Amino acid sequence: MKIGIYFDLRNPSGWQQDPAQLYGATLELCEEAERLGADSIWVSEHHQFDDGYLPQPLTMAAAIAARTRRVRIGTAVVVAPFHHPVHLAEQAAVVDLISAGRLELGLGAGYSRPEFDLFGADIAQRYATTDERYRELRRLWADGVRPQPIQADLPIWMGYAGPHGARRAGRLGARLLTPNHEMAAHYLAGLHEAGHPLESARMGGNASAWVTDDPERDWPIVKPHVAHMFDTYRAAAVAGTDLSPPRPVDPDRLVASSEARPLSAFRFGTPDDVASSLRTLVGDAPVETLLFWASIAGMPTDMAARGIETVCTQLKPLLADL
């Protein structure tokens, strides 16, 4: 099992940092994660979030590429309907060149209506558009868009949730960005339907977890950051619709939940506790990478550094045989 470290550059008002210092400290944390043995570093995309959520993941990926030498660098995800396919192909190729062939491109369909309005994109066609972006990227790279990425078959992950999304990813022959074993059968069925070899199956994704050597000490600190993260994701899902605003989450209930669905549970505890929970999540699915938050919604840099060290030095060995 490979271990990835995940950044979103949130900077909420309750824990406000100087933005330039936050970005600089994040790059230093990326270097530290590589030194400690992380296999990959991942960044994400959202727009118009009040907490400054990272809006340009490939720009950040290029900066990470320039500061590291070994780790893979992924996007989880680039929201495909917001990007012209030629720009996306070119930007991904540049990151792949800067990193000497270390890019993992994760694509997602998006879900927040105000973001679609911002880009003039059609939310009703988001899955069809994202499928087409995958096909266009493969075609553009094959037809000689310049510059060419170093990787002849640059890995593309589809950030699709649920059985239908897993099947779509399989039919495309893409990698599936979820670690939930319940999606494996649907994903493999899609691969089979489209004639892709089943041995090409690759899954991975966010473990939705925080690992600590002292849960009693850290939970009162981590808890409000978890609440902010889940509340803002859920609010974005109903923004611009007639749906009622969601009630604030109860982080204690999230930790107690055994749900595998996104935004339904959060794994918190010692390396042994989290490793046990992740074994259940992954099961016998072809999951090769698990991603762990470096900093949750404005968490102090020193705490993020301690979390990265715990994941890389204590949790990673416990998952090595998965």
Protein backbone atom coordinates (compact mmCIF):
# COMPACT_ATOMS: atom_id res chain seq x y z
CA MET A 1 0.00 0.00 0.00
CA LYS A 2 1.29 3.43 -0.97
CA ILE A 3 0.69 6.47 1.23
CA GLY A 4 -0.20 9.94 -0.06
CA ILE A 5 -0.37 13.27 1.77
CA TYR A 6 -3.26 15.57 0.83
CA PHE A 7 -3.38 19.42 0.90
CA ASP A 8 -6.22 21.85 0.15
CA LEU A 9 -4.64 25.11 1.45
CA ARG A 10 -7.72 26.15 3.44
CA ASN A 11 -7.26 29.25 5.56
CA PRO A 12 -10.46 29.82 7.61
CA SER A 13 -11.07 33.09 9.41
CA GLY A 14 -11.09 31.36 12.79
CA TRP A 15 -7.51 30.23 12.30
CA GLN A 16 -6.34 32.85 9.81
CA GLN A 17 -2.71 32.71 8.67
CA ASP A 18 -0.81 34.98 6.34
CA PRO A 19 -1.63 33.41 2.93
CA ALA A 20 1.91 33.75 1.58
CA GLN A 21 3.32 32.09 4.70
CA LEU A 22 0.71 29.31 4.45
CA TYR A 23 1.68 28.51 0.86
CA GLY A 24 5.38 28.63 1.72
CA ALA A 25 4.92 26.41 4.77
CA THR A 26 2.92 23.94 2.69
CA LEU A 27 5.79 23.56 0.23
CA GLU A 28 8.13 22.94 3.16
CA LEU A 29 5.71 20.28 4.45
CA CYS A 30 5.79 18.65 1.02
CA GLU A 31 9.56 18.43 1.23
CA GLU A 32 9.31 16.98 4.72
CA ALA A 33 6.70 14.41 3.62
CA GLU A 34 9.05 13.26 0.88
CA ARG A 35 11.95 13.00 3.35
CA LEU A 36 9.82 10.91 5.73
CA GLY A 37 8.92 8.41 3.00
CA ALA A 38 5.52 9.49 1.66
CA ASP A 39 4.87 7.98 -1.77
CA SER A 40 2.80 10.86 -3.16
CA ILE A 41 1.44 14.37 -2.52
CA TRP A 42 -2.01 15.43 -3.70
CA VAL A 43 -3.87 18.74 -4.06
CA SER A 44 -7.49 19.61 -4.79
CA GLU A 45 -9.71 22.32 -6.33
CA HIS A 46 -12.63 24.48 -5.26
CA HIS A 47 -13.66 28.05 -6.09
CA GLN A 48 -15.12 30.95 -4.07
CA PHE A 49 -14.81 29.16 -0.75
CA ASP A 50 -14.59 31.73 2.04
CA ASP A 51 -11.67 29.84 3.58
CA GLY A 52 -9.42 30.27 0.53
CA TYR A 53 -9.58 26.66 -0.68
CA LEU A 54 -6.93 26.04 -3.36
CA PRO A 55 -8.44 27.03 -6.76
CA GLN A 56 -5.57 26.03 -9.10
CA PRO A 57 -4.21 22.56 -8.27
CA LEU A 58 -1.95 22.19 -11.32
CA THR A 59 -0.22 25.48 -10.51
CA MET A 60 0.44 24.20 -6.99
CA ALA A 61 1.49 20.82 -8.40
CA ALA A 62 4.14 22.55 -10.50
CA ALA A 63 5.52 24.28 -7.40
CA ILE A 64 5.58 20.97 -5.50
CA ALA A 65 7.35 19.34 -8.46
CA ALA A 66 10.08 21.97 -8.30
CA ARG A 67 10.62 21.38 -4.56
CA THR A 68 10.67 17.56 -4.58
CA ARG A 69 12.56 14.81 -6.39
CA ARG A 70 10.88 11.45 -5.78
CA VAL A 71 7.23 11.61 -4.68
CA ARG A 72 4.41 11.23 -7.17
CA ILE A 73 2.25 14.38 -7.45
CA GLY A 74 -1.50 14.05 -7.87
CA THR A 75 -4.67 16.10 -8.22
CA ALA A 76 -7.68 14.89 -6.28
CA VAL A 77 -9.26 16.45 -8.14
CA VAL A 78 -9.13 18.91 -11.03
CA VAL A 79 -12.79 19.73 -11.74
CA ALA A 80 -12.81 18.81 -15.42
CA PRO A 81 -15.89 20.76 -16.64
CA PHE A 82 -14.20 24.04 -15.61
CA HIS A 83 -11.17 23.53 -17.85
CA HIS A 84 -10.72 23.63 -21.61
CA PRO A 85 -9.25 20.28 -22.68
CA VAL A 86 -6.31 21.84 -24.54
CA HIS A 87 -5.36 23.99 -21.54
CA LEU A 88 -5.68 20.94 -19.29
CA ALA A 89 -3.53 18.79 -21.59
CA GLU A 90 -0.85 21.47 -21.83
CA GLN A 91 -0.80 22.28 -18.11
CA ALA A 92 -0.61 18.62 -17.14
CA ALA A 93 2.22 18.07 -19.61
CA VAL A 94 4.18 20.99 -18.14
CA VAL A 95 3.81 19.59 -14.60
CA ASP A 96 4.89 16.18 -15.85
CA LEU A 97 7.98 17.74 -17.42
CA ILE A 98 8.90 19.76 -14.33
CA SER A 99 8.49 16.67 -12.17
CA ALA A 100 10.39 14.37 -14.56
CA GLY A 101 7.32 12.19 -15.08
CA ARG A 102 5.68 12.11 -11.63
CA LEU A 103 2.16 13.46 -12.31
CA GLU A 104 -1.03 11.57 -11.43
CA LEU A 105 -3.98 13.49 -12.91
CA GLY A 106 -7.23 13.08 -10.99
CA LEU A 107 -10.39 14.41 -12.68
CA GLY A 108 -13.72 15.09 -11.03
CA ALA A 109 -17.16 16.16 -12.23
CA GLY A 110 -17.82 18.81 -9.56
CA TYR A 111 -21.04 19.27 -7.62
CA SER A 112 -21.42 22.89 -6.44
CA ARG A 113 -23.81 24.96 -8.56
CA PRO A 114 -22.21 28.38 -7.86
CA GLU A 115 -18.91 27.06 -9.20
CA PHE A 116 -20.59 25.92 -12.43
CA ASP A 117 -22.24 29.34 -12.73
CA LEU A 118 -18.85 31.00 -12.25
CA PHE A 119 -17.39 29.13 -15.23
CA GLY A 120 -20.54 29.08 -17.35
CA ALA A 121 -20.52 25.27 -17.26
CA ASP A 122 -23.57 23.00 -17.40
CA ILE A 123 -23.99 21.12 -14.13
CA ALA A 124 -26.57 18.80 -15.69
CA GLN A 125 -23.93 17.49 -18.13
CA ARG A 126 -21.05 17.30 -15.65
CA TYR A 127 -20.49 13.55 -15.88
CA ALA A 128 -20.73 13.39 -19.65
CA THR A 129 -18.37 16.38 -19.88
CA THR A 130 -15.87 14.77 -17.51
CA ASP A 131 -15.95 11.49 -19.45
CA GLU A 132 -15.28 13.46 -22.61
CA ARG A 133 -12.39 15.35 -20.99
CA TYR A 134 -10.75 12.00 -20.29
CA ARG A 135 -11.11 10.94 -23.93
CA GLU A 136 -9.94 14.32 -25.23
CA LEU A 137 -6.83 14.27 -23.04
CA ARG A 138 -5.85 10.85 -24.33
CA ARG A 139 -6.48 12.01 -27.91
CA LEU A 140 -4.60 15.31 -27.51
CA TRP A 141 -1.53 13.65 -26.04
CA ALA A 142 -1.61 10.90 -28.69
CA ASP A 143 -2.05 13.41 -31.54
CA GLY A 144 0.99 15.39 -30.54
CA VAL A 145 -0.14 18.36 -28.45
CA ARG A 146 2.95 20.28 -27.40
CA PRO A 147 4.65 19.93 -25.04
CA GLN A 148 4.26 16.18 -24.64
CA PRO A 149 4.20 14.71 -21.13
CA ILE A 150 7.11 12.46 -20.25
CA GLN A 151 4.80 9.59 -19.31
CA ALA A 152 3.48 7.93 -22.46
CA ASP A 153 0.46 6.66 -20.53
CA LEU A 154 0.07 9.40 -17.92
CA PRO A 155 -2.13 8.00 -15.10
CA ILE A 156 -5.64 9.49 -15.02
CA TRP A 157 -7.89 8.90 -12.01
CA MET A 158 -11.64 9.51 -12.09
CA GLY A 159 -13.01 11.01 -8.89
CA TYR A 160 -16.39 9.35 -9.24
CA ALA A 161 -18.44 8.28 -6.21
CA GLY A 162 -21.11 5.60 -6.09
CA PRO A 163 -21.78 2.48 -8.16
CA HIS A 164 -22.66 4.30 -11.39
CA GLY A 165 -19.54 6.45 -11.18
CA ALA A 166 -17.35 3.43 -10.51
CA ARG A 167 -18.78 1.70 -13.57
CA ARG A 168 -18.18 4.80 -15.70
CA ALA A 169 -14.53 4.91 -14.65
CA GLY A 170 -14.18 1.25 -15.55
CA ARG A 171 -15.70 1.70 -18.99
CA LEU A 172 -13.20 4.48 -19.66
CA GLY A 173 -10.33 2.26 -18.60
CA ALA A 174 -9.29 4.87 -16.03
CA ARG A 175 -8.20 4.51 -12.43
CA LEU A 176 -10.90 4.98 -9.78
CA LEU A 177 -10.33 7.56 -7.05
CA THR A 178 -12.03 5.85 -4.13
CA PRO A 179 -10.64 3.34 -1.61
CA ASN A 180 -14.08 1.88 -0.83
CA HIS A 181 -14.11 -1.87 -1.54
CA GLU A 182 -17.88 -1.72 -2.11
CA MET A 183 -17.21 0.04 -5.43
CA ALA A 184 -14.77 -2.58 -6.74
CA ALA A 185 -17.35 -4.91 -8.28
CA HIS A 186 -18.99 -2.03 -10.18
CA TYR A 187 -15.61 -0.76 -11.35
CA LEU A 188 -14.46 -4.19 -12.52
CA ALA A 189 -17.78 -4.70 -14.30
CA GLY A 190 -17.21 -1.47 -16.24
CA LEU A 191 -13.69 -2.55 -17.20
CA HIS A 192 -15.05 -5.89 -18.42
CA GLU A 193 -17.91 -4.33 -20.39
CA ALA A 194 -15.51 -2.09 -22.32
CA GLY A 195 -12.97 -4.85 -22.93
CA HIS A 196 -10.26 -3.48 -20.65
CA PRO A 197 -8.05 -6.05 -18.89
CA LEU A 198 -9.12 -6.58 -15.29
CA GLU A 199 -5.49 -6.61 -14.19
CA SER A 200 -5.34 -2.92 -15.15
CA ALA A 201 -7.70 -2.07 -12.26
CA ARG A 202 -6.33 0.55 -9.87
CA MET A 203 -8.20 2.19 -7.00
CA GLY A 204 -7.10 4.71 -4.38
CA GLY A 205 -8.32 7.79 -2.57
CA ASN A 206 -8.93 9.79 0.56
CA ALA A 207 -8.89 7.76 3.76
CA SER A 208 -10.75 10.60 5.54
CA ALA A 209 -8.59 10.12 8.60
CA TRP A 210 -6.33 11.75 11.13
CA VAL A 211 -3.71 9.69 12.94
CA THR A 212 -2.24 10.58 16.32
CA ASP A 213 -0.19 8.94 19.04
CA ASP A 214 -2.36 10.68 21.66
CA PRO A 215 -6.08 10.78 20.74
CA GLU A 216 -7.19 12.30 24.06
CA ARG A 217 -4.77 15.19 23.67
CA ASP A 218 -5.50 15.88 20.02
CA TRP A 219 -9.25 15.32 19.56
CA PRO A 220 -10.33 18.62 21.22
CA ILE A 221 -7.95 20.41 18.83
CA VAL A 222 -8.82 18.43 15.70
CA LYS A 223 -12.58 18.36 16.28
CA PRO A 224 -13.47 21.96 15.27
CA HIS A 225 -11.32 21.67 12.14
CA VAL A 226 -13.17 18.48 11.14
CA ALA A 227 -16.50 20.24 11.71
CA HIS A 228 -15.47 23.16 9.51
CA MET A 229 -14.31 20.85 6.71
CA PHE A 230 -17.45 18.72 6.63
CA ASP A 231 -19.83 21.69 7.07
CA THR A 232 -18.33 23.62 4.16
CA TYR A 233 -18.35 20.60 1.83
CA ARG A 234 -21.98 19.91 2.65
CA ALA A 235 -22.97 23.57 2.31
CA ALA A 236 -21.34 23.71 -1.14
CA ALA A 237 -23.49 20.76 -2.24
CA VAL A 238 -26.75 22.66 -1.68
CA ALA A 239 -25.58 26.21 -2.49
CA GLY A 240 -27.58 27.77 -5.31
CA THR A 241 -30.39 25.21 -4.99
CA ASP A 242 -33.78 25.11 -3.28
CA LEU A 243 -32.54 22.55 -0.78
CA SER A 244 -32.40 23.52 2.87
CA PRO A 245 -29.00 24.24 4.37
CA PRO A 246 -27.61 21.13 6.08
CA ARG A 247 -27.45 20.99 9.85
CA PRO A 248 -23.98 21.33 11.39
CA VAL A 249 -22.18 18.01 11.66
CA ASP A 250 -21.40 16.34 14.96
CA PRO A 251 -17.73 15.30 14.69
CA ASP A 252 -18.13 12.77 17.50
CA ARG A 253 -20.81 10.96 15.49
CA LEU A 254 -18.62 11.03 12.38
CA VAL A 255 -15.83 9.32 14.29
CA ALA A 256 -18.26 6.70 15.63
CA SER A 257 -19.70 5.98 12.17
CA SER A 258 -18.73 2.90 10.17
CA GLU A 259 -20.07 4.34 6.91
CA ALA A 260 -17.81 4.09 3.84
CA ARG A 261 -19.55 6.83 1.84
CA PRO A 262 -17.84 10.22 1.41
CA LEU A 263 -18.72 12.82 4.07
CA SER A 264 -20.37 10.16 6.24
CA ALA A 265 -17.51 9.20 8.54
CA PHE A 266 -14.12 10.32 9.79
CA ARG A 267 -11.41 7.97 11.06
CA PHE A 268 -9.53 9.26 14.09
CA GLY A 269 -7.23 7.47 16.48
CA THR A 270 -3.93 5.74 16.97
CA PRO A 271 -2.08 4.20 14.03
CA ASP A 272 -3.32 0.75 15.08
CA ASP A 273 -6.95 1.96 15.31
CA VAL A 274 -6.89 3.71 11.93
CA ALA A 275 -5.05 0.84 10.23
CA SER A 276 -7.71 -1.60 11.41
CA SER A 277 -10.51 0.64 10.11
CA LEU A 278 -8.77 1.07 6.76
CA ARG A 279 -8.36 -2.67 6.31
CA THR A 280 -12.15 -2.93 6.53
CA LEU A 281 -12.60 -0.04 4.09
CA VAL A 282 -10.19 -1.47 1.51
CA GLY A 283 -11.04 -5.17 1.84
CA ASP A 284 -9.75 -7.10 -1.16
CA ALA A 285 -10.27 -4.25 -3.64
CA PRO A 286 -7.36 -3.30 -5.94
CA VAL A 287 -6.51 -0.23 -3.86
CA GLU A 288 -2.91 0.90 -4.27
CA THR A 289 -2.89 4.35 -2.61
CA LEU A 290 -4.50 5.89 0.48
CA LEU A 291 -4.47 9.65 0.97
CA PHE A 292 -4.27 11.39 4.35
CA TRP A 293 -4.93 15.03 5.17
CA ALA A 294 -1.79 16.93 6.08
CA SER A 295 -3.75 19.83 7.53
CA ILE A 296 -7.48 19.92 8.21
CA ALA A 297 -9.11 23.29 7.57
CA GLY A 298 -6.59 25.74 8.97
CA MET A 299 -4.78 23.43 11.38
CA PRO A 300 -1.51 24.89 12.74
CA THR A 301 1.57 24.03 10.70
CA ASP A 302 3.34 22.34 13.60
CA MET A 303 0.37 20.02 14.11
CA ALA A 304 0.26 19.24 10.40
CA ALA A 305 3.95 18.38 10.52
CA ARG A 306 3.38 16.05 13.47
CA GLY A 307 0.49 14.38 11.64
CA ILE A 308 2.58 13.80 8.52
CA GLU A 309 5.35 12.25 10.61
CA THR A 310 2.89 9.91 12.36
CA VAL A 311 1.36 8.77 9.06
CA CYS A 312 4.73 8.18 7.37
CA THR A 313 6.64 6.56 10.24
CA GLN A 314 3.95 4.76 12.27
CA LEU A 315 0.89 4.13 10.07
CA LYS A 316 2.61 3.32 6.78
CA PRO A 317 4.40 0.20 8.12
CA LEU A 318 1.08 -1.12 9.45
CA LEU A 319 -0.45 -0.97 5.97
CA ALA A 320 2.55 -2.26 4.03
CA ASP A 321 1.09 -5.74 3.51
CA LEU A 322 -2.25 -4.53 2.10
